[in-house]
């Protein structure tokens, strides 16, 4: 079994970036919704820093993806928009006190998929349109495609 979770990933003293298939980083879009993917900032913006927080569930699938910004917003989706039997995709949002728990599937020592344990949807980056520096991030049916692979990157 490959372990890809960075040392100290569960510490607010050691945040990391998550980088998508096009080199963009997971970002809180200036602290508001939705969560997006965009080019890395040159100033080490807090909106693109993340830590993992264990939920206490134990075992795989107990991790929250948390921002060290005030209020500690998490990456989530709106459960109120989830019709039965569930959506094929949902916009990634941030929120305080949300409960989107991830199973982290390591692919190698630095890359992983983030799968929501409730819906089995994967955190997915969309390709940026030509000339754009941002793109949406959604929860999609897990198909193990490159858009669902995230790389852990240490801060500069």
N, C-alpha and C. Protein backbone atom coordinates (compact mmCIF):
# COMPACT_ATOMS: atom_id res chain seq x y z
N UNK A 1 0.85 -1.19 0.00
CA UNK A 1 0.00 0.00 0.00
C UNK A 1 0.89 1.25 0.00
N UNK A 2 0.59 2.16 -0.88
CA UNK A 2 1.36 3.39 -1.01
C UNK A 2 0.79 4.44 -0.07
N UNK A 3 1.67 5.16 0.63
CA UNK A 3 1.23 6.25 1.49
C UNK A 3 1.63 7.56 0.84
N UNK A 4 0.64 8.40 0.53
CA UNK A 4 0.93 9.66 -0.15
C UNK A 4 0.69 10.87 0.73
N UNK A 5 0.15 10.67 1.91
CA UNK A 5 -0.18 11.80 2.77
C UNK A 5 1.10 12.41 3.32
N UNK A 6 1.32 13.71 3.09
CA UNK A 6 2.57 14.34 3.53
C UNK A 6 2.74 14.29 5.04
N UNK A 7 4.00 14.25 5.50
CA UNK A 7 4.24 14.35 6.94
C UNK A 7 3.61 15.64 7.46
N UNK A 8 3.05 15.59 8.63
CA UNK A 8 2.43 16.75 9.29
C UNK A 8 1.21 17.29 8.54
N UNK A 9 0.60 16.49 7.65
CA UNK A 9 -0.57 16.95 6.90
C UNK A 9 -1.76 17.24 7.80
N UNK A 10 -1.74 16.70 9.01
CA UNK A 10 -2.84 16.90 9.94
C UNK A 10 -2.57 18.07 10.88
N UNK A 11 -1.56 18.88 10.57
CA UNK A 11 -1.18 20.00 11.43
C UNK A 11 -1.43 21.33 10.73
N UNK A 12 -2.11 22.24 11.41
CA UNK A 12 -2.33 23.57 10.85
C UNK A 12 -1.02 24.35 10.73
N UNK A 13 0.06 23.82 11.33
CA UNK A 13 1.38 24.44 11.21
C UNK A 13 2.07 24.05 9.92
N UNK A 14 1.57 23.00 9.25
CA UNK A 14 2.22 22.50 8.03
C UNK A 14 1.23 22.29 6.90
N UNK A 15 0.57 23.36 6.42
CA UNK A 15 -0.38 23.19 5.32
C UNK A 15 0.34 22.85 4.02
N UNK A 16 -0.42 22.38 3.05
CA UNK A 16 0.09 22.01 1.74
C UNK A 16 -0.88 22.53 0.68
N UNK A 17 -0.46 22.42 -0.59
CA UNK A 17 -1.34 22.73 -1.72
C UNK A 17 -1.79 21.41 -2.34
N UNK A 18 -2.94 21.44 -3.00
CA UNK A 18 -3.38 20.34 -3.84
C UNK A 18 -3.38 20.83 -5.27
N UNK A 19 -2.64 20.13 -6.13
CA UNK A 19 -2.43 20.56 -7.51
C UNK A 19 -3.16 19.59 -8.44
N UNK A 20 -3.90 20.13 -9.41
CA UNK A 20 -4.65 19.28 -10.33
C UNK A 20 -3.83 18.90 -11.56
N UNK A 21 -4.45 18.23 -12.51
CA UNK A 21 -3.79 17.70 -13.70
C UNK A 21 -3.22 18.78 -14.61
N UNK A 22 -3.69 20.02 -14.50
CA UNK A 22 -3.21 21.10 -15.36
C UNK A 22 -2.26 22.05 -14.63
N UNK A 23 -1.87 21.69 -13.40
CA UNK A 23 -0.95 22.51 -12.63
C UNK A 23 -1.61 23.61 -11.83
N UNK A 24 -2.93 23.65 -11.82
CA UNK A 24 -3.67 24.62 -11.00
C UNK A 24 -3.82 24.09 -9.58
N UNK A 25 -4.04 24.99 -8.63
CA UNK A 25 -4.19 24.59 -7.23
C UNK A 25 -5.64 24.75 -6.78
N UNK A 26 -6.04 23.89 -5.86
CA UNK A 26 -7.36 23.98 -5.25
C UNK A 26 -7.40 25.27 -4.45
N UNK A 27 -8.44 26.08 -4.65
CA UNK A 27 -8.45 27.43 -4.10
C UNK A 27 -9.85 27.80 -3.61
N UNK A 28 -9.90 28.55 -2.51
CA UNK A 28 -11.17 29.00 -1.95
C UNK A 28 -11.73 30.25 -2.61
N UNK A 29 -11.18 30.68 -3.70
CA UNK A 29 -11.71 31.82 -4.47
C UNK A 29 -11.93 33.04 -3.59
N UNK A 30 -10.85 33.51 -2.99
CA UNK A 30 -10.91 34.69 -2.12
C UNK A 30 -11.81 34.49 -0.91
N UNK A 31 -11.87 33.27 -0.42
CA UNK A 31 -12.61 32.97 0.79
C UNK A 31 -14.10 32.81 0.61
N UNK A 32 -14.57 32.79 -0.62
CA UNK A 32 -16.00 32.62 -0.88
C UNK A 32 -16.23 31.42 -1.78
N UNK A 33 -17.48 31.10 -2.01
CA UNK A 33 -17.82 29.97 -2.87
C UNK A 33 -17.86 30.39 -4.32
N UNK A 34 -17.69 29.48 -5.23
CA UNK A 34 -17.38 28.07 -5.01
C UNK A 34 -15.89 27.83 -4.86
N UNK A 35 -15.53 26.60 -4.54
CA UNK A 35 -14.13 26.19 -4.56
C UNK A 35 -13.74 26.06 -6.03
N UNK A 36 -12.56 26.56 -6.40
CA UNK A 36 -12.12 26.54 -7.79
C UNK A 36 -10.71 25.96 -7.89
N UNK A 37 -10.27 25.83 -9.11
CA UNK A 37 -8.90 25.47 -9.43
C UNK A 37 -8.33 26.67 -10.19
N UNK A 38 -7.16 27.15 -9.79
CA UNK A 38 -6.57 28.29 -10.51
C UNK A 38 -5.06 28.24 -10.41
N UNK A 39 -4.40 29.10 -11.21
CA UNK A 39 -2.94 29.11 -11.18
C UNK A 39 -2.46 29.47 -9.78
N UNK A 40 -1.30 28.95 -9.44
CA UNK A 40 -0.73 29.18 -8.11
C UNK A 40 -0.38 30.65 -7.94
N UNK A 41 -0.72 31.19 -6.77
CA UNK A 41 -0.38 32.59 -6.49
C UNK A 41 1.11 32.71 -6.20
N UNK A 42 1.63 33.90 -6.38
CA UNK A 42 3.04 34.14 -6.10
C UNK A 42 3.28 34.55 -4.66
N UNK A 43 2.19 34.84 -3.93
CA UNK A 43 2.36 35.31 -2.55
C UNK A 43 2.00 34.26 -1.49
N UNK A 44 1.78 33.00 -1.91
CA UNK A 44 1.46 31.96 -0.94
C UNK A 44 0.11 32.16 -0.28
N UNK A 45 -0.88 32.53 -1.04
CA UNK A 45 -2.21 32.84 -0.55
C UNK A 45 -2.77 31.77 0.38
N UNK A 46 -3.40 32.21 1.47
CA UNK A 46 -4.04 31.29 2.41
C UNK A 46 -5.18 30.52 1.74
N UNK A 47 -5.81 31.09 0.71
CA UNK A 47 -6.93 30.44 0.04
C UNK A 47 -6.54 29.16 -0.66
N UNK A 48 -5.24 28.95 -0.90
CA UNK A 48 -4.79 27.74 -1.58
C UNK A 48 -4.04 26.78 -0.65
N UNK A 49 -4.15 26.99 0.64
CA UNK A 49 -3.48 26.13 1.61
C UNK A 49 -4.50 25.21 2.28
N UNK A 50 -4.10 23.98 2.52
CA UNK A 50 -5.01 22.97 3.06
C UNK A 50 -4.30 22.11 4.10
N UNK A 51 -5.07 21.57 5.00
CA UNK A 51 -4.61 20.54 5.93
C UNK A 51 -5.69 19.47 5.97
N UNK A 52 -5.32 18.31 6.49
CA UNK A 52 -6.30 17.24 6.71
C UNK A 52 -6.68 17.23 8.17
N UNK A 53 -7.91 16.94 8.43
CA UNK A 53 -8.38 16.82 9.82
C UNK A 53 -9.11 15.49 9.94
N UNK A 54 -8.66 14.69 10.88
CA UNK A 54 -9.32 13.40 11.09
C UNK A 54 -10.64 13.61 11.80
N UNK A 55 -11.64 12.88 11.36
CA UNK A 55 -12.99 13.07 11.90
C UNK A 55 -13.24 12.28 13.16
N UNK A 56 -12.37 11.32 13.46
CA UNK A 56 -12.62 10.45 14.59
C UNK A 56 -13.39 9.20 14.19
N UNK A 57 -13.70 9.07 12.88
CA UNK A 57 -14.40 7.87 12.42
C UNK A 57 -13.50 6.65 12.47
N UNK A 58 -12.20 6.88 12.35
CA UNK A 58 -11.24 5.78 12.33
C UNK A 58 -11.19 5.13 10.97
N UNK A 59 -10.01 4.66 10.60
CA UNK A 59 -9.84 3.98 9.32
C UNK A 59 -9.92 4.94 8.15
N UNK A 60 -9.81 4.39 6.92
CA UNK A 60 -9.87 5.25 5.74
C UNK A 60 -11.25 5.89 5.62
N UNK A 61 -11.26 7.09 5.12
CA UNK A 61 -12.52 7.78 4.90
C UNK A 61 -12.93 8.69 6.02
N UNK A 62 -12.00 8.98 6.91
CA UNK A 62 -12.34 9.85 8.01
C UNK A 62 -11.74 11.22 7.93
N UNK A 63 -11.23 11.63 6.76
CA UNK A 63 -10.50 12.89 6.67
C UNK A 63 -11.36 14.01 6.09
N UNK A 64 -11.25 15.17 6.70
CA UNK A 64 -11.83 16.40 6.17
C UNK A 64 -10.71 17.19 5.51
N UNK A 65 -11.00 17.88 4.41
CA UNK A 65 -10.04 18.77 3.77
C UNK A 65 -10.37 20.17 4.24
N UNK A 66 -9.48 20.74 5.08
CA UNK A 66 -9.78 21.96 5.82
C UNK A 66 -8.81 23.07 5.44
N UNK A 67 -9.33 24.28 5.30
CA UNK A 67 -8.51 25.46 5.07
C UNK A 67 -8.11 26.05 6.42
N UNK A 68 -6.87 26.57 6.54
CA UNK A 68 -6.47 27.23 7.78
C UNK A 68 -7.00 28.66 7.90
N UNK A 69 -7.88 29.09 7.00
CA UNK A 69 -8.49 30.42 7.11
C UNK A 69 -9.38 30.50 8.35
N UNK A 70 -9.69 31.70 8.83
CA UNK A 70 -10.57 31.85 9.99
C UNK A 70 -11.88 31.09 9.79
N UNK A 71 -12.28 30.35 10.81
CA UNK A 71 -13.49 29.54 10.72
C UNK A 71 -13.24 28.15 10.20
N UNK A 72 -12.05 27.90 9.68
CA UNK A 72 -11.64 26.59 9.18
C UNK A 72 -12.65 25.99 8.20
N UNK A 73 -12.95 26.67 7.08
CA UNK A 73 -13.90 26.10 6.12
C UNK A 73 -13.37 24.81 5.51
N UNK A 74 -14.28 23.92 5.17
CA UNK A 74 -13.93 22.64 4.58
C UNK A 74 -14.42 22.58 3.14
N UNK A 75 -13.80 21.70 2.34
CA UNK A 75 -14.29 21.42 1.00
C UNK A 75 -15.48 20.48 1.15
N UNK A 76 -16.59 20.82 0.50
CA UNK A 76 -17.82 20.05 0.68
C UNK A 76 -18.71 20.23 -0.54
N UNK A 77 -19.92 19.71 -0.44
CA UNK A 77 -20.99 20.02 -1.38
C UNK A 77 -22.26 20.15 -0.57
N UNK A 78 -23.28 20.74 -1.18
CA UNK A 78 -24.53 21.01 -0.46
C UNK A 78 -25.39 19.76 -0.44
N UNK A 79 -25.46 19.12 0.72
CA UNK A 79 -26.25 17.90 0.85
C UNK A 79 -27.73 18.16 0.58
N UNK A 80 -28.20 19.38 0.76
CA UNK A 80 -29.61 19.70 0.52
C UNK A 80 -29.97 19.61 -0.96
N UNK A 81 -28.96 19.62 -1.83
CA UNK A 81 -29.21 19.53 -3.26
C UNK A 81 -29.11 18.10 -3.77
N UNK A 82 -28.98 17.14 -2.88
CA UNK A 82 -28.73 15.76 -3.26
C UNK A 82 -30.02 14.96 -3.34
N UNK A 83 -30.62 14.87 -4.54
CA UNK A 83 -31.83 14.07 -4.67
C UNK A 83 -31.51 12.58 -4.62
N UNK A 84 -32.49 11.79 -4.23
CA UNK A 84 -32.31 10.34 -4.21
C UNK A 84 -32.50 9.82 -5.62
N UNK A 85 -31.64 8.99 -6.17
CA UNK A 85 -30.54 8.29 -5.51
C UNK A 85 -29.25 9.06 -5.47
N UNK A 86 -29.24 10.30 -5.89
CA UNK A 86 -28.03 11.11 -5.80
C UNK A 86 -27.64 11.67 -7.15
N UNK A 87 -26.85 12.73 -7.15
CA UNK A 87 -26.47 13.41 -8.39
C UNK A 87 -25.30 12.73 -9.07
N UNK A 88 -25.11 13.06 -10.33
CA UNK A 88 -23.92 12.62 -11.05
C UNK A 88 -22.78 13.59 -10.83
N UNK A 89 -23.10 14.85 -10.52
CA UNK A 89 -22.05 15.81 -10.19
C UNK A 89 -22.65 16.93 -9.35
N UNK A 90 -21.77 17.56 -8.56
CA UNK A 90 -22.17 18.68 -7.71
C UNK A 90 -21.01 19.65 -7.63
N UNK A 91 -21.30 20.94 -7.55
CA UNK A 91 -20.27 21.97 -7.41
C UNK A 91 -19.59 21.84 -6.05
N UNK A 92 -18.28 21.90 -6.04
CA UNK A 92 -17.54 21.92 -4.77
C UNK A 92 -17.69 23.29 -4.14
N UNK A 93 -18.01 23.32 -2.87
CA UNK A 93 -18.20 24.56 -2.13
C UNK A 93 -17.34 24.52 -0.88
N UNK A 94 -17.32 25.61 -0.16
CA UNK A 94 -16.67 25.62 1.15
C UNK A 94 -17.74 25.94 2.17
N UNK A 95 -17.52 25.46 3.37
CA UNK A 95 -18.48 25.74 4.41
C UNK A 95 -17.93 25.42 5.77
N UNK A 96 -18.45 26.09 6.77
CA UNK A 96 -18.05 25.81 8.14
C UNK A 96 -18.95 24.72 8.69
N UNK A 97 -18.35 23.72 9.32
CA UNK A 97 -19.12 22.68 9.97
C UNK A 97 -19.75 21.68 9.02
N UNK A 98 -19.33 21.65 7.76
CA UNK A 98 -19.86 20.65 6.84
C UNK A 98 -19.21 19.31 7.11
N UNK A 99 -19.82 18.26 6.62
CA UNK A 99 -19.33 16.92 6.94
C UNK A 99 -19.09 16.10 5.69
N UNK A 100 -18.26 16.57 4.80
CA UNK A 100 -17.84 15.78 3.65
C UNK A 100 -16.54 15.09 4.02
N UNK A 101 -16.63 13.80 4.29
CA UNK A 101 -15.46 13.02 4.69
C UNK A 101 -14.88 12.32 3.47
N UNK A 102 -13.56 12.38 3.36
CA UNK A 102 -12.89 11.81 2.20
C UNK A 102 -12.16 10.51 2.52
N UNK A 103 -12.25 9.59 1.59
CA UNK A 103 -11.33 8.47 1.54
C UNK A 103 -10.24 8.92 0.58
N UNK A 104 -9.00 8.86 1.02
CA UNK A 104 -7.88 9.30 0.19
C UNK A 104 -7.23 8.07 -0.42
N UNK A 105 -7.38 7.93 -1.74
CA UNK A 105 -6.81 6.79 -2.46
C UNK A 105 -5.46 7.20 -3.04
N UNK A 106 -4.38 6.76 -2.42
CA UNK A 106 -3.04 7.11 -2.89
C UNK A 106 -2.72 6.34 -4.18
N UNK A 107 -2.21 7.06 -5.16
CA UNK A 107 -1.80 6.45 -6.43
C UNK A 107 -0.29 6.22 -6.46
N UNK A 108 0.46 7.11 -5.85
CA UNK A 108 1.90 6.97 -5.66
C UNK A 108 2.26 7.83 -4.46
N UNK A 109 3.52 8.17 -4.30
CA UNK A 109 3.94 8.85 -3.08
C UNK A 109 3.48 10.31 -2.97
N UNK A 110 2.97 10.89 -4.06
CA UNK A 110 2.53 12.29 -4.00
C UNK A 110 1.14 12.55 -4.58
N UNK A 111 0.49 11.55 -5.17
CA UNK A 111 -0.78 11.78 -5.86
C UNK A 111 -1.89 10.90 -5.29
N UNK A 112 -3.12 11.46 -5.30
CA UNK A 112 -4.25 10.72 -4.74
C UNK A 112 -5.56 11.17 -5.35
N UNK A 113 -6.58 10.34 -5.17
CA UNK A 113 -7.98 10.70 -5.44
C UNK A 113 -8.62 11.00 -4.10
N UNK A 114 -9.57 11.94 -4.10
CA UNK A 114 -10.34 12.27 -2.90
C UNK A 114 -11.79 11.87 -3.18
N UNK A 115 -12.24 10.80 -2.51
CA UNK A 115 -13.57 10.24 -2.74
C UNK A 115 -14.44 10.51 -1.51
N UNK A 116 -15.60 11.13 -1.71
CA UNK A 116 -16.54 11.35 -0.62
C UNK A 116 -17.11 10.00 -0.19
N UNK A 117 -17.05 9.70 1.11
CA UNK A 117 -17.48 8.39 1.59
C UNK A 117 -19.00 8.22 1.58
N UNK A 118 -19.76 9.30 1.56
CA UNK A 118 -21.22 9.20 1.55
C UNK A 118 -21.74 8.95 0.14
N UNK A 119 -21.31 9.76 -0.81
CA UNK A 119 -21.84 9.70 -2.17
C UNK A 119 -20.98 8.88 -3.13
N UNK A 120 -19.73 8.61 -2.76
CA UNK A 120 -18.73 7.97 -3.62
C UNK A 120 -18.34 8.84 -4.81
N UNK A 121 -18.66 10.13 -4.74
CA UNK A 121 -18.25 11.05 -5.80
C UNK A 121 -16.83 11.53 -5.54
N UNK A 122 -16.08 11.77 -6.62
CA UNK A 122 -14.68 12.17 -6.52
C UNK A 122 -14.52 13.67 -6.74
N UNK A 123 -13.61 14.28 -5.98
CA UNK A 123 -13.25 15.67 -6.19
C UNK A 123 -12.59 15.77 -7.57
N UNK A 124 -13.15 16.62 -8.45
CA UNK A 124 -12.78 16.62 -9.86
C UNK A 124 -12.53 18.05 -10.35
N UNK A 125 -11.39 18.26 -11.00
CA UNK A 125 -11.08 19.56 -11.61
C UNK A 125 -11.48 19.52 -13.08
N UNK A 126 -12.03 20.60 -13.55
CA UNK A 126 -12.36 20.73 -14.96
C UNK A 126 -11.22 21.45 -15.67
N UNK A 127 -11.08 21.19 -16.95
CA UNK A 127 -10.07 21.88 -17.73
C UNK A 127 -10.44 23.36 -17.86
N UNK A 128 -9.45 24.21 -17.72
CA UNK A 128 -9.69 25.65 -17.89
C UNK A 128 -9.93 25.95 -19.37
N UNK A 129 -10.82 26.88 -19.63
CA UNK A 129 -11.05 27.30 -21.01
C UNK A 129 -9.81 28.02 -21.52
N UNK A 130 -9.63 28.03 -22.81
CA UNK A 130 -8.47 28.68 -23.42
C UNK A 130 -8.35 30.12 -22.95
N UNK A 131 -7.19 30.48 -22.44
CA UNK A 131 -6.93 31.83 -21.97
C UNK A 131 -7.37 32.10 -20.54
N UNK A 132 -8.01 31.13 -19.89
CA UNK A 132 -8.49 31.33 -18.52
C UNK A 132 -7.49 30.75 -17.52
N UNK A 133 -7.42 31.37 -16.36
CA UNK A 133 -6.52 30.88 -15.30
C UNK A 133 -7.30 30.17 -14.20
N UNK A 134 -8.61 30.02 -14.36
CA UNK A 134 -9.44 29.34 -13.35
C UNK A 134 -10.35 28.31 -14.02
N UNK A 135 -10.78 27.33 -13.23
CA UNK A 135 -11.74 26.35 -13.71
C UNK A 135 -12.54 25.82 -12.53
N UNK A 136 -13.73 25.27 -12.80
CA UNK A 136 -14.56 24.74 -11.72
C UNK A 136 -13.98 23.47 -11.11
N UNK A 137 -14.39 23.22 -9.88
CA UNK A 137 -14.11 21.95 -9.20
C UNK A 137 -15.46 21.40 -8.77
N UNK A 138 -15.68 20.14 -9.09
CA UNK A 138 -16.95 19.50 -8.77
C UNK A 138 -16.72 18.15 -8.11
N UNK A 139 -17.80 17.56 -7.66
CA UNK A 139 -17.80 16.16 -7.23
C UNK A 139 -18.48 15.38 -8.35
N UNK A 140 -17.77 14.40 -8.92
CA UNK A 140 -18.25 13.64 -10.07
C UNK A 140 -18.16 12.14 -9.77
N UNK A 141 -18.90 11.36 -10.56
CA UNK A 141 -18.78 9.91 -10.48
C UNK A 141 -17.32 9.54 -10.66
N UNK A 142 -16.79 8.69 -9.79
CA UNK A 142 -15.38 8.33 -9.85
C UNK A 142 -15.12 7.43 -11.06
N UNK A 143 -14.25 7.90 -11.95
CA UNK A 143 -13.86 7.13 -13.13
C UNK A 143 -12.34 6.98 -13.24
N UNK A 144 -11.61 7.48 -12.26
CA UNK A 144 -10.15 7.39 -12.20
C UNK A 144 -9.48 8.08 -13.38
N UNK A 145 -10.07 9.17 -13.87
CA UNK A 145 -9.44 9.92 -14.95
C UNK A 145 -8.51 10.99 -14.37
N UNK A 146 -7.70 11.59 -15.22
CA UNK A 146 -6.67 12.52 -14.75
C UNK A 146 -7.25 13.72 -14.00
N UNK A 147 -8.47 14.14 -14.35
CA UNK A 147 -9.09 15.28 -13.68
C UNK A 147 -9.43 14.99 -12.22
N UNK A 148 -9.36 13.72 -11.82
CA UNK A 148 -9.68 13.32 -10.45
C UNK A 148 -8.43 12.98 -9.64
N UNK A 149 -7.27 13.32 -10.18
CA UNK A 149 -6.00 13.09 -9.50
C UNK A 149 -5.49 14.42 -8.96
N UNK A 150 -5.14 14.43 -7.69
CA UNK A 150 -4.60 15.62 -7.02
C UNK A 150 -3.23 15.30 -6.46
N UNK A 151 -2.28 16.20 -6.65
CA UNK A 151 -0.92 16.03 -6.12
C UNK A 151 -0.72 16.90 -4.90
N UNK A 152 -0.11 16.33 -3.88
CA UNK A 152 0.26 17.10 -2.70
C UNK A 152 1.51 17.90 -3.02
N UNK A 153 1.54 19.17 -2.69
CA UNK A 153 2.71 20.02 -2.93
C UNK A 153 3.02 20.81 -1.67
N UNK A 154 4.28 20.76 -1.26
CA UNK A 154 4.71 21.55 -0.11
C UNK A 154 4.66 23.03 -0.45
N UNK A 155 4.44 23.86 0.55
CA UNK A 155 4.46 25.30 0.33
C UNK A 155 5.88 25.77 0.07
N UNK A 156 6.02 26.87 -0.68
CA UNK A 156 7.35 27.40 -1.00
C UNK A 156 8.04 27.94 0.23
